[in-house]
Protein backbone atom coordinates (compact mmCIF):
# COMPACT_ATOMS: atom_id res chain seq x y z
CA MET A 1 256.43 6.21 84.18
CA PRO A 2 258.14 9.46 84.90
CA ASP A 3 261.39 9.51 86.57
CA GLN A 4 260.96 9.90 90.29
CA SER A 5 264.69 9.77 91.48
CA ASN A 6 265.00 13.68 91.92
CA LYS A 7 261.83 14.09 93.71
CA ILE A 8 261.65 14.87 97.51
CA GLN A 9 258.96 13.97 99.48
CA ILE A 10 258.53 16.33 102.48
CA PHE A 11 256.98 15.61 105.78
CA VAL A 12 255.86 18.22 108.20
CA THR A 13 255.50 17.13 111.89
CA GLY A 14 255.41 21.15 113.53
CA GLY A 15 258.23 22.05 116.19
CA THR A 16 259.37 25.66 116.12
CA PHE A 17 259.78 25.73 112.82
CA ASP A 18 256.17 26.21 112.10
CA LYS A 19 254.88 28.11 115.15
CA GLU A 20 253.18 31.38 115.08
CA TYR A 21 253.36 34.22 117.71
CA ASN A 22 250.23 35.40 119.41
CA TYR A 23 250.90 39.22 120.02
CA ILE A 24 248.24 39.52 122.43
CA THR A 25 249.10 36.51 124.99
CA GLY A 26 252.76 36.00 124.16
CA GLN A 27 252.26 32.49 123.26
CA LEU A 28 253.58 30.40 120.33
CA TYR A 29 251.08 27.96 118.58
CA PHE A 30 250.89 26.33 115.54
CA LYS A 31 248.20 27.41 112.47
CA ASP A 32 249.45 25.99 109.45
CA THR A 33 252.88 24.76 107.69
CA HIS A 34 254.97 27.97 106.35
CA LEU A 35 256.85 25.40 103.80
CA HIS A 36 254.66 26.46 100.63
CA GLY A 37 255.53 30.21 100.98
CA MET A 38 259.08 29.23 102.02
CA PHE A 39 259.49 27.23 98.46
CA GLU A 40 257.58 30.07 96.88
CA ARG A 41 260.28 32.64 98.56
CA GLY A 42 262.98 30.65 97.83
CA ARG A 43 262.22 30.59 94.18
CA SER A 44 262.90 26.97 94.23
CA THR A 45 262.59 24.57 91.30
CA LEU A 46 262.91 21.61 93.23
CA ASP A 47 260.01 18.60 92.20
CA ILE A 48 258.86 18.20 96.02
CA ASP A 49 255.65 16.53 97.46
CA ILE A 50 254.71 18.34 100.69
CA LYS A 51 252.39 16.51 103.28
CA THR A 52 251.71 17.73 107.10
CA LEU A 53 251.73 14.54 109.26
CA MET A 54 250.95 16.38 112.48
CA MET A 55 251.82 19.74 114.19
CA VAL A 56 252.93 19.13 117.33
CA ASP A 57 255.90 20.56 119.41
CA SER A 58 258.33 17.88 119.69
CA LEU A 59 258.15 17.84 123.66
CA GLU A 60 254.55 16.68 123.11
CA MET A 61 255.36 14.13 120.42
CA THR A 62 254.62 10.55 121.38
CA ASP A 63 255.67 6.91 120.26
CA ALA A 64 252.58 6.99 118.48
CA ASP A 65 253.55 10.31 116.48
CA ARG A 66 256.56 8.82 116.04
CA GLU A 67 255.52 5.43 114.30
CA ILE A 68 253.18 7.56 112.23
CA ILE A 69 256.33 9.30 110.75
CA VAL A 70 258.09 6.22 110.48
CA TYR A 71 255.43 4.38 108.70
CA SER A 72 255.31 7.55 106.31
CA CYS A 73 258.93 7.27 105.51
CA ARG A 74 258.27 3.28 104.67
CA LYS A 75 255.67 4.19 102.31
CA ALA A 76 257.06 7.09 100.83
CA GLU A 77 256.97 6.73 96.94
CA TYR A 78 260.34 8.90 97.02
CA ASP A 79 263.75 7.71 98.31
CA LYS A 80 264.85 11.32 99.11
CA ILE A 81 262.94 12.61 102.64
CA VAL A 82 263.06 15.89 104.30
CA ILE A 83 261.21 15.91 107.55
CA THR A 84 260.68 19.43 109.61
CA HIS A 85 260.58 18.46 113.14
CA GLY A 86 261.22 20.43 116.50
CA THR A 87 264.57 20.17 117.87
CA ASP A 88 263.95 18.75 121.43
CA THR A 89 263.17 15.17 120.32
CA MET A 90 264.69 15.30 116.80
CA VAL A 91 267.51 12.99 117.79
CA LYS A 92 264.87 10.42 119.60
CA THR A 93 262.70 10.48 116.40
CA ALA A 94 265.81 9.80 114.02
CA GLU A 95 266.55 6.92 116.34
CA ALA A 96 263.17 5.52 116.02
CA ILE A 97 263.63 5.86 112.10
CA ALA A 98 267.01 4.51 111.82
CA LYS A 99 265.42 1.09 113.70
CA HIS A 100 263.89 0.35 110.42
CA ASN A 101 266.83 0.48 107.86
CA ILE A 102 264.73 2.19 105.22
CA ALA A 103 266.59 2.34 102.03
CA LYS A 104 266.24 5.99 101.55
CA THR A 105 268.06 9.24 102.54
CA ILE A 106 266.13 10.63 105.43
CA ILE A 107 266.92 14.06 106.83
CA LEU A 108 265.28 15.53 109.87
CA THR A 109 265.61 19.45 110.25
CA GLY A 110 264.11 22.13 112.58
CA ALA A 111 264.54 25.75 113.51
CA MET A 112 265.54 27.54 117.25
CA ILE A 113 263.40 30.57 116.24
CA PRO A 114 260.01 30.38 114.17
CA TYR A 115 259.85 31.20 110.72
CA ALA A 116 257.26 33.61 111.65
CA PHE A 117 259.80 35.88 113.30
CA GLY A 118 261.37 36.77 109.84
CA THR A 119 264.52 37.21 109.01
CA SER A 120 265.91 36.14 112.69
CA SER A 121 264.96 32.85 112.12
CA ASP A 122 267.36 30.40 110.98
CA GLY A 123 264.45 27.83 109.35
CA PHE A 124 265.08 28.81 106.00
CA PHE A 125 268.78 28.57 106.33
CA ASN A 126 268.07 24.76 107.65
CA LEU A 127 265.45 23.93 105.14
CA GLY A 128 267.64 24.96 102.34
CA ALA A 129 270.56 22.89 103.94
CA ALA A 130 268.10 19.61 104.14
CA LEU A 131 267.19 19.99 100.82
CA ALA A 132 270.93 19.96 99.11
CA PHE A 133 272.05 17.25 101.69
CA ALA A 134 268.89 15.13 100.57
CA GLN A 135 269.93 15.10 97.37
CA THR A 136 273.59 14.73 97.97
CA LEU A 137 273.85 11.88 100.75
CA GLN A 138 273.55 8.29 100.51
CA HIS A 139 270.72 6.54 102.12
CA GLY A 140 270.59 6.72 105.69
CA VAL A 141 269.04 9.04 108.81
CA TYR A 142 270.79 12.44 109.15
CA ILE A 143 270.11 15.72 111.15
CA THR A 144 270.90 18.66 109.19
CA MET A 145 270.99 22.13 111.27
CA ASN A 146 273.37 25.13 111.30
CA GLY A 147 274.58 24.38 107.78
CA ARG A 148 275.99 20.99 108.38
CA TYR A 149 274.70 17.51 108.90
CA TYR A 150 275.06 14.75 111.31
CA ASN A 151 274.92 11.23 111.37
CA TRP A 152 271.53 10.54 113.56
CA ASN A 153 273.75 8.19 116.07
CA ASN A 154 276.38 11.04 116.57
CA VAL A 155 274.68 14.07 117.29
CA ARG A 156 273.42 16.02 120.24
CA LYS A 157 271.46 19.45 120.85
CA ASN A 158 273.45 21.49 123.22
CA THR A 159 270.87 23.21 125.41
CA LYS A 160 273.37 25.55 126.72
CA THR A 161 274.65 27.13 123.17
CA GLY A 162 271.68 26.09 121.29
CA TYR A 163 273.66 24.44 118.47
CA PHE A 164 273.51 21.26 117.37
CA GLU A 165 277.31 19.07 117.76
CA THR A 166 278.80 15.87 117.35
CA LEU A 167 279.40 13.37 120.27
CA LYS A 168 282.35 11.78 119.17
């Protein structure tokens, strides 16, 4: 059997990361994930497996959706996982995953500005950081935003600044 220790599982759940902009109505909506194009554009040579679990805004994510994410993390063949997720309830999902003590490195990341908006999006940067941290951090559940990683239980989204920050 080939060595799978360096392979990274990517789970897509939606969030601002993958939203599209309707130029007529001005509304944001989901079409498909941008991750395949992002990896191509970034010239990534990582061994990855991308699976779309759902495409939902995190404010609309349910406990049943979180159960799907937890189940997928538990059943993933690889011990490095990156989850793209909406920023509003990212910490809540991280907590749901952490309760199960899964012996894997699980990183949740997202974007404040949709990738479809081009160079103004932070999604590309956050994805790159998440992939790097997935390869270097020990098993646990983390949130990666703004070039930093945070333990799931010591972070919050500051809704006034739009940045993630430590609690303590």
